[in-house]
């Protein structure tokens, strides 16, 4: 039996690292008064020349950055790894809710970054890091029960920014998510952090890598199996799984569900009879555990894809919009070619 459970795990290379600013922000509660003093004309001219202020409409919340953030708390791997890819590790004062180790290319840069929490950090833990920005991977990270709601943090002088690909409101949620949208998010982050050159280099490199991938042309259908026992939680028709599978040459059996993710019945999976099953590998729900589940279920055990071990594996951080998506496409194509 052939099982394709050795995905290539590489992330976009760190490009054009920037020298991080060395200034230290005040306590969050005092941050709103940090720049209360007047600025002279030369300061105004300098800000304009640097591209600031920058105002963004972020998931329906307008945020204005008078200067580039210097003390950042990241929530989720997608935001942490984007900052590392832009060479901004010295501006990260804490990371939380990461989905596993960073890729080897980022290991040295991430070594000194403090982990604030394995889950969404509390507002108390977030403010204790004295950030001037909370960079969140999901909108739900920014709530009174989590790191703090956006309005409250803003009142305390702490800006908030959500990865645009994770916006959920109508008119803001990518529909469908595309690589152009992912790359636009990198570019907007570059503007916010004063790292436009590094962002442009990152986008150019990832576009070139994506263009160099030759999608699988075997006409294979696929199920993107993320989690779930009684019901599988799978990649649907407009999110990152769909974007990645389509670029790899796979036809998503749940593509007609107009959502980023969805739950299916096992009966629906059996009826779809995918040629390939994409398994999401997470520390809390491994690819091997999913294989055991598929083989233990009499209905799915009879599927040809399960009987013949037609699996490909992607690591969990690759499943959300971020710097690993292009590599996920390349990895899937590579695993399919190894059949």
C-alpha atoms as a PDB file:
ATOM      1  CA  UNK A   1       0.000   0.000   0.000  1.00  0.00           C
ATOM      2  CA  UNK A   2       1.366   3.358  -0.966  1.00  0.00           C
ATOM      3  CA  UNK A   3       0.719   6.267   1.378  1.00  0.00           C
ATOM      4  CA  UNK A   4       1.851   9.748   0.530  1.00  0.00           C
ATOM      5  CA  UNK A   5       2.534  11.026   4.023  1.00  0.00           C
ATOM      6  CA  UNK A   6       5.826  12.827   3.534  1.00  0.00           C
ATOM      7  CA  UNK A   7       4.939  16.327   2.365  1.00  0.00           C
ATOM      8  CA  UNK A   8       7.667  18.757   1.466  1.00  0.00           C
ATOM      9  CA  UNK A   9       7.698  21.220   4.363  1.00  0.00           C
ATOM     10  CA  UNK A  10       9.328  24.386   3.214  1.00  0.00           C
ATOM     11  CA  UNK A  11       8.135  27.954   3.580  1.00  0.00           C
ATOM     12  CA  UNK A  12       8.820  31.059   1.577  1.00  0.00           C
ATOM     13  CA  UNK A  13      12.370  32.241   2.151  1.00  0.00           C
ATOM     14  CA  UNK A  14      12.938  35.306   4.256  1.00  0.00           C
ATOM     15  CA  UNK A  15      13.522  38.084   1.769  1.00  0.00           C
ATOM     16  CA  UNK A  16      14.939  41.541   2.110  1.00  0.00           C
ATOM     17  CA  UNK A  17      15.097  41.552   5.944  1.00  0.00           C
ATOM     18  CA  UNK A  18      14.642  44.987   7.413  1.00  0.00           C
ATOM     19  CA  UNK A  19      16.506  46.475  10.321  1.00  0.00           C
ATOM     20  CA  UNK A  20      13.930  46.597  13.118  1.00  0.00           C
ATOM     21  CA  UNK A  21      13.386  49.872  14.907  1.00  0.00           C
ATOM     22  CA  UNK A  22      14.799  50.024  18.414  1.00  0.00           C
ATOM     23  CA  UNK A  23      12.340  52.367  20.085  1.00  0.00           C
ATOM     24  CA  UNK A  24      10.339  50.995  23.026  1.00  0.00           C
ATOM     25  CA  UNK A  25       6.620  51.780  23.390  1.00  0.00           C
ATOM     26  CA  UNK A  26       5.012  53.001  26.614  1.00  0.00           C
ATOM     27  CA  UNK A  27       2.597  50.863  28.621  1.00  0.00           C
ATOM     28  CA  UNK A  28      -0.563  50.178  26.644  1.00  0.00           C
ATOM     29  CA  UNK A  29      -2.748  52.230  28.957  1.00  0.00           C
ATOM     30  CA  UNK A  30      -0.528  55.235  28.383  1.00  0.00           C
ATOM     31  CA  UNK A  31       0.188  54.672  24.725  1.00  0.00           C
ATOM     32  CA  UNK A  32      -2.583  56.933  23.489  1.00  0.00           C
ATOM     33  CA  UNK A  33      -0.780  59.961  24.940  1.00  0.00           C
ATOM     34  CA  UNK A  34       2.686  58.962  23.809  1.00  0.00           C
ATOM     35  CA  UNK A  35       2.720  61.436  20.935  1.00  0.00           C
ATOM     36  CA  UNK A  36       0.677  64.222  22.520  1.00  0.00           C
ATOM     37  CA  UNK A  37       3.382  66.788  21.870  1.00  0.00           C
ATOM     38  CA  UNK A  38       3.213  68.922  18.737  1.00  0.00           C
ATOM     39  CA  UNK A  39       5.162  67.970  15.619  1.00  0.00           C
ATOM     40  CA  UNK A  40       6.992  70.537  13.554  1.00  0.00           C
ATOM     41  CA  UNK A  41       6.844  70.905   9.793  1.00  0.00           C
ATOM     42  CA  UNK A  42       9.949  68.796   9.238  1.00  0.00           C
ATOM     43  CA  UNK A  43       8.335  65.911  11.151  1.00  0.00           C
ATOM     44  CA  UNK A  44       5.262  66.175   8.934  1.00  0.00           C
ATOM     45  CA  UNK A  45       7.396  66.124   5.807  1.00  0.00           C
ATOM     46  CA  UNK A  46       9.324  63.125   7.082  1.00  0.00           C
ATOM     47  CA  UNK A  47       6.130  61.210   7.796  1.00  0.00           C
ATOM     48  CA  UNK A  48       4.807  61.947   4.333  1.00  0.00           C
ATOM     49  CA  UNK A  49       8.060  60.825   2.717  1.00  0.00           C
ATOM     50  CA  UNK A  50       7.928  57.528   4.631  1.00  0.00           C
ATOM     51  CA  UNK A  51       4.407  56.777   3.456  1.00  0.00           C
ATOM     52  CA  UNK A  52       2.707  57.520   6.770  1.00  0.00           C
ATOM     53  CA  UNK A  53       0.075  57.977   7.959  1.00  0.00           C
ATOM     54  CA  UNK A  54      -1.455  54.778   6.564  1.00  0.00           C
ATOM     55  CA  UNK A  55      -5.207  54.234   6.911  1.00  0.00           C
ATOM     56  CA  UNK A  56      -6.799  50.869   6.170  1.00  0.00           C
ATOM     57  CA  UNK A  57     -10.385  49.619   6.208  1.00  0.00           C
ATOM     58  CA  UNK A  58      -9.774  46.329   7.975  1.00  0.00           C
ATOM     59  CA  UNK A  59     -12.765  43.983   8.095  1.00  0.00           C
ATOM     60  CA  UNK A  60     -14.976  47.070   8.442  1.00  0.00           C
ATOM     61  CA  UNK A  61     -12.855  48.776  11.097  1.00  0.00           C
ATOM     62  CA  UNK A  62     -10.862  51.829  10.024  1.00  0.00           C
ATOM     63  CA  UNK A  63      -7.364  51.911  11.486  1.00  0.00           C
ATOM     64  CA  UNK A  64      -4.860  54.733  11.023  1.00  0.00           C
ATOM     65  CA  UNK A  65      -1.145  54.173  11.598  1.00  0.00           C
ATOM     66  CA  UNK A  66       0.743  57.430  12.077  1.00  0.00           C
ATOM     67  CA  UNK A  67       3.990  55.481  12.224  1.00  0.00           C
ATOM     68  CA  UNK A  68       5.005  51.882  11.685  1.00  0.00           C
ATOM     69  CA  UNK A  69       4.171  49.609  14.658  1.00  0.00           C
ATOM     70  CA  UNK A  70       7.214  48.762  16.749  1.00  0.00           C
ATOM     71  CA  UNK A  71       5.827  46.405  19.419  1.00  0.00           C
ATOM     72  CA  UNK A  72       3.572  43.737  17.955  1.00  0.00           C
ATOM     73  CA  UNK A  73       1.692  40.811  19.464  1.00  0.00           C
ATOM     74  CA  UNK A  74       0.859  38.192  16.830  1.00  0.00           C
ATOM     75  CA  UNK A  75      -2.008  35.726  17.168  1.00  0.00           C
ATOM     76  CA  UNK A  76      -1.951  32.598  14.952  1.00  0.00           C
ATOM     77  CA  UNK A  77       0.932  31.233  12.896  1.00  0.00           C
ATOM     78  CA  UNK A  78      -0.174  33.068   9.755  1.00  0.00           C
ATOM     79  CA  UNK A  79       0.550  36.491  11.246  1.00  0.00           C
ATOM     80  CA  UNK A  80       3.751  35.449  13.008  1.00  0.00           C
ATOM     81  CA  UNK A  81       5.188  33.859   9.882  1.00  0.00           C
ATOM     82  CA  UNK A  82       4.296  36.809   7.663  1.00  0.00           C
ATOM     83  CA  UNK A  83       6.225  39.136   9.968  1.00  0.00           C
ATOM     84  CA  UNK A  84       9.169  36.734   9.953  1.00  0.00           C
ATOM     85  CA  UNK A  85       9.049  36.547   6.154  1.00  0.00           C
ATOM     86  CA  UNK A  86       9.210  40.346   6.059  1.00  0.00           C
ATOM     87  CA  UNK A  87      12.236  40.352   8.371  1.00  0.00           C
ATOM     88  CA  UNK A  88      10.361  42.029  11.226  1.00  0.00           C
ATOM     89  CA  UNK A  89      11.093  39.589  14.041  1.00  0.00           C
ATOM     90  CA  UNK A  90      12.635  42.305  16.227  1.00  0.00           C
ATOM     91  CA  UNK A  91       9.265  44.057  16.388  1.00  0.00           C
ATOM     92  CA  UNK A  92       7.425  41.036  17.793  1.00  0.00           C
ATOM     93  CA  UNK A  93       7.052  41.307  21.582  1.00  0.00           C
ATOM     94  CA  UNK A  94       4.950  38.172  21.913  1.00  0.00           C
ATOM     95  CA  UNK A  95       3.280  35.435  19.887  1.00  0.00           C
ATOM     96  CA  UNK A  96       0.202  33.424  20.776  1.00  0.00           C
ATOM     97  CA  UNK A  97      -2.036  30.625  19.480  1.00  0.00           C
ATOM     98  CA  UNK A  98       0.567  29.284  17.075  1.00  0.00           C
ATOM     99  CA  UNK A  99      -0.300  26.137  15.168  1.00  0.00           C
ATOM    100  CA  UNK A 100       3.057  24.405  15.514  1.00  0.00           C
ATOM    101  CA  UNK A 101       6.755  25.139  15.032  1.00  0.00           C
ATOM    102  CA  UNK A 102       7.759  27.715  12.478  1.00  0.00           C
ATOM    103  CA  UNK A 103       9.462  26.398   9.321  1.00  0.00           C
ATOM    104  CA  UNK A 104      13.189  25.761   9.551  1.00  0.00           C
ATOM    105  CA  UNK A 105      13.902  28.889   7.530  1.00  0.00           C
ATOM    106  CA  UNK A 106      12.438  31.013  10.331  1.00  0.00           C
ATOM    107  CA  UNK A 107      13.679  29.057  13.340  1.00  0.00           C
ATOM    108  CA  UNK A 108      16.611  31.318  14.218  1.00  0.00           C
ATOM    109  CA  UNK A 109      14.575  34.495  13.779  1.00  0.00           C
ATOM    110  CA  UNK A 110      11.778  33.147  15.973  1.00  0.00           C
ATOM    111  CA  UNK A 111      14.013  31.702  18.684  1.00  0.00           C
ATOM    112  CA  UNK A 112      13.845  34.701  21.006  1.00  0.00           C
ATOM    113  CA  UNK A 113      10.143  35.476  20.619  1.00  0.00           C
ATOM    114  CA  UNK A 114       8.124  35.022  23.802  1.00  0.00           C
ATOM    115  CA  UNK A 115       5.085  32.750  23.669  1.00  0.00           C
ATOM    116  CA  UNK A 116       2.215  34.471  25.478  1.00  0.00           C
ATOM    117  CA  UNK A 117      -0.291  31.622  25.283  1.00  0.00           C
ATOM    118  CA  UNK A 118      -0.968  28.341  23.518  1.00  0.00           C
ATOM    119  CA  UNK A 119      -4.465  29.665  22.794  1.00  0.00           C
ATOM    120  CA  UNK A 120      -5.907  33.147  22.311  1.00  0.00           C
ATOM    121  CA  UNK A 121      -4.212  35.315  24.964  1.00  0.00           C
ATOM    122  CA  UNK A 122      -6.284  37.148  27.533  1.00  0.00           C
ATOM    123  CA  UNK A 123      -6.480  40.922  27.379  1.00  0.00           C
ATOM    124  CA  UNK A 124      -4.365  41.049  30.537  1.00  0.00           C
ATOM    125  CA  UNK A 125      -1.623  38.920  28.987  1.00  0.00           C
ATOM    126  CA  UNK A 126      -1.802  40.902  25.765  1.00  0.00           C
ATOM    127  CA  UNK A 127      -1.464  44.288  27.479  1.00  0.00           C
ATOM    128  CA  UNK A 128       1.343  42.997  29.706  1.00  0.00           C
ATOM    129  CA  UNK A 129       3.498  42.737  26.568  1.00  0.00           C
ATOM    130  CA  UNK A 130       2.998  46.503  26.037  1.00  0.00           C
ATOM    131  CA  UNK A 131       2.129  46.254  22.347  1.00  0.00           C
ATOM    132  CA  UNK A 132       1.248  49.083  20.018  1.00  0.00           C
ATOM    133  CA  UNK A 133      -0.415  46.580  17.638  1.00  0.00           C
ATOM    134  CA  UNK A 134      -2.209  43.252  17.959  1.00  0.00           C
ATOM    135  CA  UNK A 135      -1.950  41.425  14.614  1.00  0.00           C
ATOM    136  CA  UNK A 136      -4.641  38.733  14.599  1.00  0.00           C
ATOM    137  CA  UNK A 137      -5.114  35.787  12.293  1.00  0.00           C
ATOM    138  CA  UNK A 138      -8.852  35.552  12.984  1.00  0.00           C
ATOM    139  CA  UNK A 139     -11.443  38.221  13.782  1.00  0.00           C
ATOM    140  CA  UNK A 140     -12.613  36.096  16.703  1.00  0.00           C
ATOM    141  CA  UNK A 141      -9.207  36.543  18.369  1.00  0.00           C
ATOM    142  CA  UNK A 142     -10.219  40.132  19.151  1.00  0.00           C
ATOM    143  CA  UNK A 143     -13.045  39.883  21.664  1.00  0.00           C
ATOM    144  CA  UNK A 144     -13.689  40.755  25.285  1.00  0.00           C
ATOM    145  CA  UNK A 145     -13.148  37.085  26.119  1.00  0.00           C
ATOM    146  CA  UNK A 146      -9.920  36.991  24.096  1.00  0.00           C
ATOM    147  CA  UNK A 147      -7.145  39.483  23.520  1.00  0.00           C
ATOM    148  CA  UNK A 148      -9.589  42.376  23.902  1.00  0.00           C
ATOM    149  CA  UNK A 149     -12.213  43.868  21.636  1.00  0.00           C
ATOM    150  CA  UNK A 150     -10.991  46.261  18.992  1.00  0.00           C
ATOM    151  CA  UNK A 151     -12.654  49.400  20.365  1.00  0.00           C
ATOM    152  CA  UNK A 152     -11.312  48.867  23.877  1.00  0.00           C
ATOM    153  CA  UNK A 153      -7.770  48.192  22.707  1.00  0.00           C
ATOM    154  CA  UNK A 154      -7.872  51.263  20.469  1.00  0.00           C
ATOM    155  CA  UNK A 155      -8.933  53.392  23.442  1.00  0.00           C
ATOM    156  CA  UNK A 156      -5.887  52.082  25.281  1.00  0.00           C
ATOM    157  CA  UNK A 157      -3.639  53.151  22.418  1.00  0.00           C
ATOM    158  CA  UNK A 158      -3.245  49.666  20.957  1.00  0.00           C
ATOM    159  CA  UNK A 159      -4.100  49.316  17.270  1.00  0.00           C
ATOM    160  CA  UNK A 160      -5.582  46.062  15.972  1.00  0.00           C
ATOM    161  CA  UNK A 161      -5.286  44.484  12.557  1.00  0.00           C
ATOM    162  CA  UNK A 162      -6.787  41.234  11.253  1.00  0.00           C
ATOM    163  CA  UNK A 163      -5.282  39.333   8.321  1.00  0.00           C
ATOM    164  CA  UNK A 164      -7.617  40.513   5.509  1.00  0.00           C
ATOM    165  CA  UNK A 165      -8.138  36.997   4.149  1.00  0.00           C
ATOM    166  CA  UNK A 166      -9.807  36.127   7.472  1.00  0.00           C
ATOM    167  CA  UNK A 167     -12.445  38.876   7.316  1.00  0.00           C
ATOM    168  CA  UNK A 168     -15.969  37.468   7.505  1.00  0.00           C
ATOM    169  CA  UNK A 169     -18.307  40.418   6.882  1.00  0.00           C
ATOM    170  CA  UNK A 170     -20.025  40.782   3.538  1.00  0.00           C
ATOM    171  CA  UNK A 171     -17.881  42.848   1.222  1.00  0.00           C
ATOM    172  CA  UNK A 172     -14.724  41.987   3.151  1.00  0.00           C
ATOM    173  CA  UNK A 173     -14.549  38.182   3.064  1.00  0.00           C
ATOM    174  CA  UNK A 174     -12.696  37.049  -0.069  1.00  0.00           C
ATOM    175  CA  UNK A 175     -15.244  35.240  -2.228  1.00  0.00           C
ATOM    176  CA  UNK A 176     -13.464  33.157  -3.329  1.00  0.00           C
ATOM    177  CA  UNK A 177     -10.049  33.450  -1.757  1.00  0.00           C
ATOM    178  CA  UNK A 178      -7.372  33.766  -4.444  1.00  0.00           C
ATOM    179  CA  UNK A 179      -3.618  34.002  -4.441  1.00  0.00           C
ATOM    180  CA  UNK A 180      -4.012  37.590  -5.631  1.00  0.00           C
ATOM    181  CA  UNK A 181      -5.959  38.316  -2.430  1.00  0.00           C
ATOM    182  CA  UNK A 182      -3.343  36.565  -0.281  1.00  0.00           C
ATOM    183  CA  UNK A 183      -0.549  38.537  -1.918  1.00  0.00           C
ATOM    184  CA  UNK A 184      -2.514  41.785  -1.552  1.00  0.00           C
ATOM    185  CA  UNK A 185      -2.615  41.060   2.176  1.00  0.00           C
ATOM    186  CA  UNK A 186       1.176  40.778   2.218  1.00  0.00           C
ATOM    187  CA  UNK A 187       1.438  44.128   0.436  1.00  0.00           C
ATOM    188  CA  UNK A 188      -0.955  45.853   2.829  1.00  0.00           C
ATOM    189  CA  UNK A 189       1.052  44.539   5.778  1.00  0.00           C
ATOM    190  CA  UNK A 190       4.149  45.939   4.089  1.00  0.00           C
ATOM    191  CA  UNK A 191       2.536  49.384   3.996  1.00  0.00           C
ATOM    192  CA  UNK A 192       1.490  49.195   7.650  1.00  0.00           C
ATOM    193  CA  UNK A 193       4.944  48.126   8.827  1.00  0.00           C
ATOM    194  CA  UNK A 194       6.883  50.464   6.519  1.00  0.00           C
ATOM    195  CA  UNK A 195       8.234  47.378   4.764  1.00  0.00           C
ATOM    196  CA  UNK A 196       6.907  47.874   1.255  1.00  0.00           C
ATOM    197  CA  UNK A 197      10.108  46.757  -0.462  1.00  0.00           C
ATOM    198  CA  UNK A 198      10.292  43.548   1.559  1.00  0.00           C
ATOM    199  CA  UNK A 199       6.620  42.851   0.844  1.00  0.00           C
ATOM    200  CA  UNK A 200       7.105  43.460  -2.875  1.00  0.00           C
ATOM    201  CA  UNK A 201      10.062  41.078  -2.905  1.00  0.00           C
ATOM    202  CA  UNK A 202       8.080  38.435  -1.019  1.00  0.00           C
ATOM    203  CA  UNK A 203       5.153  38.691  -3.417  1.00  0.00           C
ATOM    204  CA  UNK A 204       7.414  38.586  -6.479  1.00  0.00           C
ATOM    205  CA  UNK A 205       9.184  35.498  -5.173  1.00  0.00           C
ATOM    206  CA  UNK A 206       5.967  33.685  -4.305  1.00  0.00           C
ATOM    207  CA  UNK A 207       4.356  34.573  -7.635  1.00  0.00           C
ATOM    208  CA  UNK A 208       7.387  33.180  -9.440  1.00  0.00           C
ATOM    209  CA  UNK A 209       7.264  29.973  -7.387  1.00  0.00           C
ATOM    210  CA  UNK A 210       3.528  29.596  -8.013  1.00  0.00           C
ATOM    211  CA  UNK A 211       3.935  30.192 -11.736  1.00  0.00           C
ATOM    212  CA  UNK A 212       6.669  27.540 -11.865  1.00  0.00           C
ATOM    213  CA  UNK A 213       4.383  24.822 -10.462  1.00  0.00           C
ATOM    214  CA  UNK A 214       2.890  22.497 -13.066  1.00  0.00           C
ATOM    215  CA  UNK A 215      -0.485  21.336 -11.718  1.00  0.00           C
ATOM    216  CA  UNK A 216      -1.269  17.652 -11.716  1.00  0.00           C
ATOM    217  CA  UNK A 217      -3.148  16.823 -14.913  1.00  0.00           C
ATOM    218  CA  UNK A 218      -4.588  13.422 -13.990  1.00  0.00           C
ATOM    219  CA  UNK A 219      -8.085  14.854 -13.490  1.00  0.00           C
ATOM    220  CA  UNK A 220      -8.276  13.744  -9.851  1.00  0.00           C
ATOM    221  CA  UNK A 221     -11.066  14.587  -7.431  1.00  0.00           C
ATOM    222  CA  UNK A 222     -10.167  15.196  -3.798  1.00  0.00           C
ATOM    223  CA  UNK A 223     -11.596  15.577  -0.309  1.00  0.00           C
ATOM    224  CA  UNK A 224      -9.831  18.031   2.021  1.00  0.00           C
ATOM    225  CA  UNK A 225     -10.217  16.349   5.436  1.00  0.00           C
ATOM    226  CA  UNK A 226      -9.327  18.708   8.254  1.00  0.00           C
ATOM    227  CA  UNK A 227     -10.910  17.215  11.381  1.00  0.00           C
ATOM    228  CA  UNK A 228     -13.988  15.538  12.799  1.00  0.00           C
ATOM    229  CA  UNK A 229     -15.036  12.082  13.959  1.00  0.00           C
ATOM    230  CA  UNK A 230     -18.810  11.791  13.715  1.00  0.00           C
ATOM    231  CA  UNK A 231     -18.792  14.268  10.826  1.00  0.00           C
ATOM    232  CA  UNK A 232     -15.743  15.259   8.806  1.00  0.00           C
ATOM    233  CA  UNK A 233     -14.916  18.983   8.706  1.00  0.00           C
ATOM    234  CA  UNK A 234     -13.692  19.640   5.182  1.00  0.00           C
ATOM    235  CA  UNK A 235     -12.502  22.367   2.874  1.00  0.00           C
ATOM    236  CA  UNK A 236     -15.416  23.908   0.970  1.00  0.00           C
ATOM    237  CA  UNK A 237     -15.671  26.042  -2.158  1.00  0.00           C
ATOM    238  CA  UNK A 238     -14.308  29.533  -1.420  1.00  0.00           C
ATOM    239  CA  UNK A 239     -11.490  29.275   1.133  1.00  0.00           C
ATOM    240  CA  UNK A 240      -7.808  28.389   1.278  1.00  0.00           C
ATOM    241  CA  UNK A 241      -8.322  24.623   0.739  1.00  0.00           C
ATOM    242  CA  UNK A 242     -10.193  25.291  -2.502  1.00  0.00           C
ATOM    243  CA  UNK A 243      -7.536  27.763  -3.631  1.00  0.00           C
ATOM    244  CA  UNK A 244      -4.712  25.333  -2.903  1.00  0.00           C
ATOM    245  CA  UNK A 245      -6.389  22.265  -4.419  1.00  0.00           C
ATOM    246  CA  UNK A 246      -7.361  24.119  -7.580  1.00  0.00           C
ATOM    247  CA  UNK A 247      -3.795  25.373  -8.062  1.00  0.00           C
ATOM    248  CA  UNK A 248      -2.524  21.816  -7.575  1.00  0.00           C
ATOM    249  CA  UNK A 249      -4.890  20.462 -10.249  1.00  0.00           C
ATOM    250  CA  UNK A 250      -7.372  18.739  -7.918  1.00  0.00           C
ATOM    251  CA  UNK A 251     -11.169  19.002  -8.133  1.00  0.00           C
ATOM    252  CA  UNK A 252     -12.699  19.587  -4.715  1.00  0.00           C
ATOM    253  CA  UNK A 253     -15.676  17.279  -4.081  1.00  0.00           C
ATOM    254  CA  UNK A 254     -17.141  19.964  -1.766  1.00  0.00           C
ATOM    255  CA  UNK A 255     -16.572  22.847  -4.186  1.00  0.00           C
ATOM    256  CA  UNK A 256     -20.305  23.501  -4.539  1.00  0.00           C
ATOM    257  CA  UNK A 257     -20.617  24.481  -0.852  1.00  0.00           C
ATOM    258  CA  UNK A 258     -20.415  28.263  -0.754  1.00  0.00           C
ATOM    259  CA  UNK A 259     -18.273  28.580   2.360  1.00  0.00           C
ATOM    260  CA  UNK A 260     -14.649  28.338   3.424  1.00  0.00           C
ATOM    261  CA  UNK A 261     -15.190  25.136   5.437  1.00  0.00           C
ATOM    262  CA  UNK A 262     -18.142  22.828   5.980  1.00  0.00           C
ATOM    263  CA  UNK A 263     -19.211  19.641   7.727  1.00  0.00           C
ATOM    264  CA  UNK A 264     -20.227  16.652   5.619  1.00  0.00           C
ATOM    265  CA  UNK A 265     -21.746  13.323   6.510  1.00  0.00           C
ATOM    266  CA  UNK A 266     -19.620  10.245   5.991  1.00  0.00           C
ATOM    267  CA  UNK A 267     -22.335   9.041   3.630  1.00  0.00           C
ATOM    268  CA  UNK A 268     -21.760  12.117   1.462  1.00  0.00           C
ATOM    269  CA  UNK A 269     -18.018  11.424   1.461  1.00  0.00           C
ATOM    270  CA  UNK A 270     -18.598   7.829   0.363  1.00  0.00           C
ATOM    271  CA  UNK A 271     -20.990   8.974  -2.357  1.00  0.00           C
ATOM    272  CA  UNK A 272     -18.429  11.538  -3.608  1.00  0.00           C
ATOM    273  CA  UNK A 273     -15.802   8.768  -3.752  1.00  0.00           C
ATOM    274  CA  UNK A 274     -12.777  11.096  -4.094  1.00  0.00           C
ATOM    275  CA  UNK A 275      -9.713   9.845  -5.931  1.00  0.00           C
ATOM    276  CA  UNK A 276      -7.442  11.434  -3.334  1.00  0.00           C
ATOM    277  CA  UNK A 277      -7.862  12.467   0.302  1.00  0.00           C
ATOM    278  CA  UNK A 278      -5.931  15.517   1.500  1.00  0.00           C
ATOM    279  CA  UNK A 279      -5.146  15.063   5.202  1.00  0.00           C
ATOM    280  CA  UNK A 280      -4.423  18.047   7.432  1.00  0.00           C
ATOM    281  CA  UNK A 281      -1.648  17.188   9.877  1.00  0.00           C
ATOM    282  CA  UNK A 282      -1.911  18.964  13.242  1.00  0.00           C
ATOM    283  CA  UNK A 283      -0.329  18.106  16.576  1.00  0.00           C
ATOM    284  CA  UNK A 284      -3.802  17.766  18.119  1.00  0.00           C
ATOM    285  CA  UNK A 285      -5.246  15.807  15.187  1.00  0.00           C
ATOM    286  CA  UNK A 286      -2.581  14.075  13.150  1.00  0.00           C
ATOM    287  CA  UNK A 287      -2.785  12.734   9.630  1.00  0.00           C
ATOM    288  CA  UNK A 288      -2.077   9.245  10.966  1.00  0.00           C
ATOM    289  CA  UNK A 289      -5.033   9.506  13.350  1.00  0.00           C
ATOM    290  CA  UNK A 290      -7.255  10.448  10.419  1.00  0.00           C
ATOM    291  CA  UNK A 291      -6.034   7.437   8.437  1.00  0.00           C
ATOM    292  CA  UNK A 292      -6.831   5.166  11.373  1.00  0.00           C
ATOM    293  CA  UNK A 293     -10.308   6.693  11.556  1.00  0.00           C
ATOM    294  CA  UNK A 294     -10.924   6.201   7.830  1.00  0.00           C
ATOM    295  CA  UNK A 295      -9.761   2.587   7.981  1.00  0.00           C
ATOM    296  CA  UNK A 296     -11.819   1.826  11.092  1.00  0.00           C
ATOM    297  CA  UNK A 297     -15.072   3.109   9.614  1.00  0.00           C
ATOM    298  CA  UNK A 298     -16.564   0.255   7.534  1.00  0.00           C
ATOM    299  CA  UNK A 299     -18.104   2.674   5.034  1.00  0.00           C
ATOM    300  CA  UNK A 300     -14.952   4.688   4.346  1.00  0.00           C
ATOM    301  CA  UNK A 301     -12.694   1.638   4.627  1.00  0.00           C
ATOM    302  CA  UNK A 302     -14.306   0.330   1.444  1.00  0.00           C
ATOM    303  CA  UNK A 303     -13.452   3.469  -0.530  1.00  0.00           C
ATOM    304  CA  UNK A 304     -10.745   2.883  -3.165  1.00  0.00           C
ATOM    305  CA  UNK A 305      -8.796   5.940  -1.978  1.00  0.00           C
ATOM    306  CA  UNK A 306      -8.570   4.444   1.511  1.00  0.00           C
ATOM    307  CA  UNK A 307      -7.898   0.892   0.370  1.00  0.00           C
ATOM    308  CA  UNK A 308      -5.077   2.063  -1.899  1.00  0.00           C
ATOM    309  CA  UNK A 309      -3.728   4.682   0.521  1.00  0.00           C
ATOM    310  CA  UNK A 310      -4.203   7.577  -1.873  1.00  0.00           C
ATOM    311  CA  UNK A 311      -3.426  10.284   0.682  1.00  0.00           C
ATOM    312  CA  UNK A 312      -1.520  13.544   0.512  1.00  0.00           C
ATOM    313  CA  UNK A 313      -0.662  15.517   3.634  1.00  0.00           C
ATOM    314  CA  UNK A 314      -0.456  19.230   4.386  1.00  0.00           C
ATOM    315  CA  UNK A 315       0.536  20.710   7.726  1.00  0.00           C
ATOM    316  CA  UNK A 316      -2.070  22.782   9.532  1.00  0.00           C
ATOM    317  CA  UNK A 317      -0.416  26.223   9.182  1.00  0.00           C
ATOM    318  CA  UNK A 318      -0.512  25.734   5.402  1.00  0.00           C
ATOM    319  CA  UNK A 319      -4.293  25.557   5.473  1.00  0.00           C
ATOM    320  CA  UNK A 320      -4.872  29.230   6.327  1.00  0.00           C
ATOM    321  CA  UNK A 321      -4.016  32.150   4.071  1.00  0.00           C
ATOM    322  CA  UNK A 322      -0.348  32.936   4.533  1.00  0.00           C
ATOM    323  CA  UNK A 323       3.207  32.514   3.385  1.00  0.00           C
ATOM    324  CA  UNK A 324       2.977  28.696   3.319  1.00  0.00           C
ATOM    325  CA  UNK A 325       0.171  28.414   0.739  1.00  0.00           C
ATOM    326  CA  UNK A 326       2.381  28.300  -2.354  1.00  0.00           C
ATOM    327  CA  UNK A 327       4.523  25.627  -0.760  1.00  0.00           C
ATOM    328  CA  UNK A 328       1.386  23.634   0.064  1.00  0.00           C
ATOM    329  CA  UNK A 329       0.505  23.606  -3.640  1.00  0.00           C
ATOM    330  CA  UNK A 330       4.007  22.476  -4.576  1.00  0.00           C
ATOM    331  CA  UNK A 331       3.964  19.807  -1.878  1.00  0.00           C
ATOM    332  CA  UNK A 332       0.636  18.354  -3.033  1.00  0.00           C
ATOM    333  CA  UNK A 333       1.795  18.226  -6.650  1.00  0.00           C
ATOM    334  CA  UNK A 334       5.021  16.569  -5.572  1.00  0.00           C
ATOM    335  CA  UNK A 335       3.228  13.942  -3.498  1.00  0.00           C
ATOM    336  CA  UNK A 336       0.808  13.181  -6.322  1.00  0.00           C
ATOM    337  CA  UNK A 337       3.729  12.725  -8.674  1.00  0.00           C
ATOM    338  CA  UNK A 338       5.314  10.231  -6.316  1.00  0.00           C
ATOM    339  CA  UNK A 339       2.401   7.796  -6.683  1.00  0.00           C
END
